[in-house]
Amino acid sequence: MRKFAVDCMMGKLARWLRILGYDTFFDCSIDDNQLLMIATAEMRILLTKDRELAAKGGYLVLAKSWRDELKEVVRAFHLEKDIKPFTRCPVCNGELKEIEREDAEKLVPPIAFKNATKFSICKKCGRVYWDGSHMARMKKIVEKIIKEAKDEG
């Protein structure tokens, strides 16, 4: 499965690549040279809006909105065939692990526990995720992005 490094100009793209299940490095505290070194050392595809950085070894993302950036990347790297949505933490990039409903009770708001049936926890940062209304909206966005990327490709 492909891994990415995303420059600081595209935080929302990084988040959505993680939502799609892709290991995506994103850290605004490092400079372009450090980002390039990390991408190279970890065999990541460097995604950038910076022409100079792209010329040094990255992929220049031309789209303007995060949705179009995501479609462009999905299409350019043929990602639609191995997307594993909701398997990575969109915040820290850690892997998500499904947990038993009973184990989630003390970790989520009561309304979430009452309404949700599936819970996951990030192995890295400990954030807990569940199948609430936000998940349904995100699934629709994922489906639309994949469909549009295929249709335009």
C-alpha atoms as a PDB file:
ATOM      1  CA  MET A   1       0.000   0.000   0.000  1.00  0.00           C
ATOM      2  CA  ARG A   2       1.316   3.430  -0.898  1.00  0.00           C
ATOM      3  CA  LYS A   3       2.520   5.843   1.767  1.00  0.00           C
ATOM      4  CA  PHE A   4       2.485   9.615   1.497  1.00  0.00           C
ATOM      5  CA  ALA A   5       4.170  12.696   2.889  1.00  0.00           C
ATOM      6  CA  VAL A   6       2.129  15.873   2.508  1.00  0.00           C
ATOM      7  CA  ASP A   7       3.452  19.414   2.712  1.00  0.00           C
ATOM      8  CA  CYS A   8       2.033  21.955   5.115  1.00  0.00           C
ATOM      9  CA  MET A   9      -0.134  23.646   2.480  1.00  0.00           C
ATOM     10  CA  MET A  10      -2.465  20.652   2.281  1.00  0.00           C
ATOM     11  CA  GLY A  11      -3.507  19.618   5.781  1.00  0.00           C
ATOM     12  CA  LYS A  12      -7.027  18.675   4.758  1.00  0.00           C
ATOM     13  CA  LEU A  13      -5.681  16.434   1.999  1.00  0.00           C
ATOM     14  CA  ALA A  14      -3.450  14.684   4.561  1.00  0.00           C
ATOM     15  CA  ARG A  15      -6.440  14.144   6.858  1.00  0.00           C
ATOM     16  CA  TRP A  16      -8.556  12.692   4.054  1.00  0.00           C
ATOM     17  CA  LEU A  17      -5.786  10.397   2.805  1.00  0.00           C
ATOM     18  CA  ARG A  18      -5.668   9.029   6.355  1.00  0.00           C
ATOM     19  CA  ILE A  19      -9.456   8.639   6.338  1.00  0.00           C
ATOM     20  CA  LEU A  20      -9.071   6.593   3.143  1.00  0.00           C
ATOM     21  CA  GLY A  21      -6.610   4.389   5.038  1.00  0.00           C
ATOM     22  CA  TYR A  22      -3.287   5.638   3.680  1.00  0.00           C
ATOM     23  CA  ASP A  23      -0.257   6.062   5.922  1.00  0.00           C
ATOM     24  CA  THR A  24       0.254   9.818   5.550  1.00  0.00           C
ATOM     25  CA  PHE A  25       3.033  11.809   7.176  1.00  0.00           C
ATOM     26  CA  PHE A  26       2.102  15.441   7.904  1.00  0.00           C
ATOM     27  CA  ASP A  27       4.070  17.783  10.179  1.00  0.00           C
ATOM     28  CA  CYS A  28       4.095  21.567   9.795  1.00  0.00           C
ATOM     29  CA  SER A  29       7.003  21.956  12.225  1.00  0.00           C
ATOM     30  CA  ILE A  30       9.582  20.739   9.705  1.00  0.00           C
ATOM     31  CA  ASP A  31      11.010  22.470   6.658  1.00  0.00           C
ATOM     32  CA  ASP A  32      10.865  21.322   3.040  1.00  0.00           C
ATOM     33  CA  ASN A  33      14.302  19.681   3.118  1.00  0.00           C
ATOM     34  CA  GLN A  34      13.394  17.636   6.191  1.00  0.00           C
ATOM     35  CA  LEU A  35      10.094  16.640   4.577  1.00  0.00           C
ATOM     36  CA  LEU A  36      11.902  15.515   1.430  1.00  0.00           C
ATOM     37  CA  MET A  37      14.414  13.509   3.509  1.00  0.00           C
ATOM     38  CA  ILE A  38      11.609  11.781   5.437  1.00  0.00           C
ATOM     39  CA  ALA A  39       9.690  11.020   2.243  1.00  0.00           C
ATOM     40  CA  THR A  40      12.817   9.545   0.657  1.00  0.00           C
ATOM     41  CA  ALA A  41      13.956   7.571   3.712  1.00  0.00           C
ATOM     42  CA  GLU A  42      10.488   6.117   4.335  1.00  0.00           C
ATOM     43  CA  MET A  43       9.716   5.565   0.634  1.00  0.00           C
ATOM     44  CA  ARG A  44       6.735   7.913   0.708  1.00  0.00           C
ATOM     45  CA  ILE A  45       5.227   9.790  -2.207  1.00  0.00           C
ATOM     46  CA  LEU A  46       5.722  13.475  -1.496  1.00  0.00           C
ATOM     47  CA  LEU A  47       2.650  15.564  -2.325  1.00  0.00           C
ATOM     48  CA  THR A  48       3.188  19.305  -2.584  1.00  0.00           C
ATOM     49  CA  LYS A  49       1.903  22.560  -4.030  1.00  0.00           C
ATOM     50  CA  ASP A  50       5.461  23.925  -4.069  1.00  0.00           C
ATOM     51  CA  ARG A  51       6.948  23.719  -7.587  1.00  0.00           C
ATOM     52  CA  GLU A  52      10.541  23.822  -6.296  1.00  0.00           C
ATOM     53  CA  LEU A  53       9.906  20.997  -3.847  1.00  0.00           C
ATOM     54  CA  ALA A  54       8.129  18.963  -6.520  1.00  0.00           C
ATOM     55  CA  ALA A  55      11.131  19.425  -8.802  1.00  0.00           C
ATOM     56  CA  LYS A  56      13.350  17.889  -6.093  1.00  0.00           C
ATOM     57  CA  GLY A  57      11.291  14.724  -5.932  1.00  0.00           C
ATOM     58  CA  GLY A  58       7.638  15.321  -5.220  1.00  0.00           C
ATOM     59  CA  TYR A  59       4.328  15.198  -7.014  1.00  0.00           C
ATOM     60  CA  LEU A  60       2.941  18.649  -7.762  1.00  0.00           C
ATOM     61  CA  VAL A  61      -0.747  18.782  -6.819  1.00  0.00           C
ATOM     62  CA  LEU A  62      -2.507  21.245  -9.106  1.00  0.00           C
ATOM     63  CA  ALA A  63      -6.090  21.113  -7.799  1.00  0.00           C
ATOM     64  CA  LYS A  64      -7.350  24.040  -5.755  1.00  0.00           C
ATOM     65  CA  SER A  65      -9.843  22.574  -3.251  1.00  0.00           C
ATOM     66  CA  TRP A  66      -9.149  19.682  -0.879  1.00  0.00           C
ATOM     67  CA  ARG A  67     -11.841  17.571  -2.571  1.00  0.00           C
ATOM     68  CA  ASP A  68     -10.266  18.132  -5.976  1.00  0.00           C
ATOM     69  CA  GLU A  69      -6.802  17.509  -4.495  1.00  0.00           C
ATOM     70  CA  LEU A  70      -8.035  14.194  -3.133  1.00  0.00           C
ATOM     71  CA  LYS A  71      -9.626  13.222  -6.449  1.00  0.00           C
ATOM     72  CA  GLU A  72      -6.422  14.186  -8.274  1.00  0.00           C
ATOM     73  CA  VAL A  73      -4.259  12.051  -5.977  1.00  0.00           C
ATOM     74  CA  VAL A  74      -6.668   9.092  -6.049  1.00  0.00           C
ATOM     75  CA  ARG A  75      -6.707   9.251  -9.849  1.00  0.00           C
ATOM     76  CA  ALA A  76      -2.972   9.910 -10.343  1.00  0.00           C
ATOM     77  CA  PHE A  77      -1.890   7.001  -8.143  1.00  0.00           C
ATOM     78  CA  HIS A  78      -4.836   4.658  -8.886  1.00  0.00           C
ATOM     79  CA  LEU A  79      -5.728   4.472  -5.202  1.00  0.00           C
ATOM     80  CA  GLU A  80      -9.363   3.487  -5.666  1.00  0.00           C
ATOM     81  CA  LYS A  81      -8.457  -0.212  -5.811  1.00  0.00           C
ATOM     82  CA  ASP A  82      -6.913  -0.485  -2.333  1.00  0.00           C
ATOM     83  CA  ILE A  83      -8.711   2.091  -0.204  1.00  0.00           C
ATOM     84  CA  LYS A  84      -9.339   0.854   3.347  1.00  0.00           C
ATOM     85  CA  PRO A  85     -11.394   3.672   4.839  1.00  0.00           C
ATOM     86  CA  PHE A  86     -11.521   4.372   8.555  1.00  0.00           C
ATOM     87  CA  THR A  87      -8.468   2.277   9.450  1.00  0.00           C
ATOM     88  CA  ARG A  88      -6.185   5.212  10.391  1.00  0.00           C
ATOM     89  CA  CYS A  89      -6.543   8.057  12.827  1.00  0.00           C
ATOM     90  CA  PRO A  90      -7.147  11.235  10.809  1.00  0.00           C
ATOM     91  CA  VAL A  91      -5.394  13.260  13.523  1.00  0.00           C
ATOM     92  CA  CYS A  92      -2.152  11.383  14.253  1.00  0.00           C
ATOM     93  CA  ASN A  93      -1.980   8.744  11.477  1.00  0.00           C
ATOM     94  CA  GLY A  94      -1.981   5.849  13.949  1.00  0.00           C
ATOM     95  CA  GLU A  95      -3.690   2.577  13.087  1.00  0.00           C
ATOM     96  CA  LEU A  96      -7.218   2.087  14.371  1.00  0.00           C
ATOM     97  CA  LYS A  97      -8.196  -1.081  16.193  1.00  0.00           C
ATOM     98  CA  GLU A  98     -11.792  -2.141  16.700  1.00  0.00           C
ATOM     99  CA  ILE A  99     -12.766  -2.478  20.356  1.00  0.00           C
ATOM    100  CA  GLU A 100     -15.640  -4.205  22.086  1.00  0.00           C
ATOM    101  CA  ARG A 101     -18.710  -2.095  22.725  1.00  0.00           C
ATOM    102  CA  GLU A 102     -18.433  -2.615  26.498  1.00  0.00           C
ATOM    103  CA  ASP A 103     -14.832  -1.353  26.453  1.00  0.00           C
ATOM    104  CA  ALA A 104     -15.946   1.854  24.724  1.00  0.00           C
ATOM    105  CA  GLU A 105     -18.571   2.775  27.305  1.00  0.00           C
ATOM    106  CA  LYS A 106     -16.162   4.698  29.563  1.00  0.00           C
ATOM    107  CA  LEU A 107     -14.367   6.275  26.607  1.00  0.00           C
ATOM    108  CA  VAL A 108     -17.187   7.932  24.650  1.00  0.00           C
ATOM    109  CA  PRO A 109     -20.053  10.310  25.455  1.00  0.00           C
ATOM    110  CA  PRO A 110     -23.180   8.502  26.705  1.00  0.00           C
ATOM    111  CA  ILE A 111     -25.196   9.462  23.611  1.00  0.00           C
ATOM    112  CA  ALA A 112     -22.507   7.973  21.367  1.00  0.00           C
ATOM    113  CA  PHE A 113     -22.475   4.763  23.377  1.00  0.00           C
ATOM    114  CA  LYS A 114     -26.261   4.553  23.220  1.00  0.00           C
ATOM    115  CA  ASN A 115     -26.492   5.057  19.450  1.00  0.00           C
ATOM    116  CA  ALA A 116     -23.309   3.540  18.017  1.00  0.00           C
ATOM    117  CA  THR A 117     -22.645  -0.129  17.420  1.00  0.00           C
ATOM    118  CA  LYS A 118     -19.017  -0.103  16.279  1.00  0.00           C
ATOM    119  CA  PHE A 119     -16.056   1.520  18.058  1.00  0.00           C
ATOM    120  CA  SER A 120     -12.373   1.848  17.220  1.00  0.00           C
ATOM    121  CA  ILE A 121      -9.436   3.240  19.141  1.00  0.00           C
ATOM    122  CA  CYS A 122      -6.203   4.705  17.793  1.00  0.00           C
ATOM    123  CA  LYS A 123      -3.247   2.580  18.851  1.00  0.00           C
ATOM    124  CA  LYS A 124      -1.041   5.677  18.881  1.00  0.00           C
ATOM    125  CA  CYS A 125      -3.002   8.545  20.464  1.00  0.00           C
ATOM    126  CA  GLY A 126      -5.922   6.743  22.094  1.00  0.00           C
ATOM    127  CA  ARG A 127      -8.693   8.698  20.354  1.00  0.00           C
ATOM    128  CA  VAL A 128     -11.907   6.736  20.061  1.00  0.00           C
ATOM    129  CA  TYR A 129     -14.079   6.722  16.941  1.00  0.00           C
ATOM    130  CA  TRP A 130     -17.589   5.373  16.419  1.00  0.00           C
ATOM    131  CA  ASP A 131     -20.144   4.964  13.673  1.00  0.00           C
ATOM    132  CA  GLY A 132     -22.177   8.111  14.269  1.00  0.00           C
ATOM    133  CA  SER A 133     -23.839  10.500  11.844  1.00  0.00           C
ATOM    134  CA  HIS A 134     -20.453  12.033  11.041  1.00  0.00           C
ATOM    135  CA  MET A 135     -19.308   8.625   9.791  1.00  0.00           C
ATOM    136  CA  ALA A 136     -22.270   8.380   7.408  1.00  0.00           C
ATOM    137  CA  ARG A 137     -21.420  11.809   5.958  1.00  0.00           C
ATOM    138  CA  MET A 138     -17.760  10.864   5.596  1.00  0.00           C
ATOM    139  CA  LYS A 139     -18.681   7.583   3.852  1.00  0.00           C
ATOM    140  CA  LYS A 140     -20.729   9.541   1.319  1.00  0.00           C
ATOM    141  CA  ILE A 141     -17.795  11.877   0.661  1.00  0.00           C
ATOM    142  CA  VAL A 142     -15.433   8.894   0.223  1.00  0.00           C
ATOM    143  CA  GLU A 143     -17.841   7.183  -2.203  1.00  0.00           C
ATOM    144  CA  LYS A 144     -18.305  10.396  -4.204  1.00  0.00           C
ATOM    145  CA  ILE A 145     -14.554  11.094  -4.420  1.00  0.00           C
ATOM    146  CA  ILE A 146     -13.853   7.541  -5.614  1.00  0.00           C
ATOM    147  CA  LYS A 147     -16.663   7.635  -8.183  1.00  0.00           C
ATOM    148  CA  GLU A 148     -15.601  11.041  -9.545  1.00  0.00           C
ATOM    149  CA  ALA A 149     -11.952  10.009  -9.682  1.00  0.00           C
ATOM    150  CA  LYS A 150     -12.903   6.913 -11.709  1.00  0.00           C
ATOM    151  CA  ASP A 151     -15.254   8.848 -13.989  1.00  0.00           C
ATOM    152  CA  GLU A 152     -12.663  11.534 -14.742  1.00  0.00           C
ATOM    153  CA  GLY A 153      -9.746   9.114 -15.061  1.00  0.00           C
END
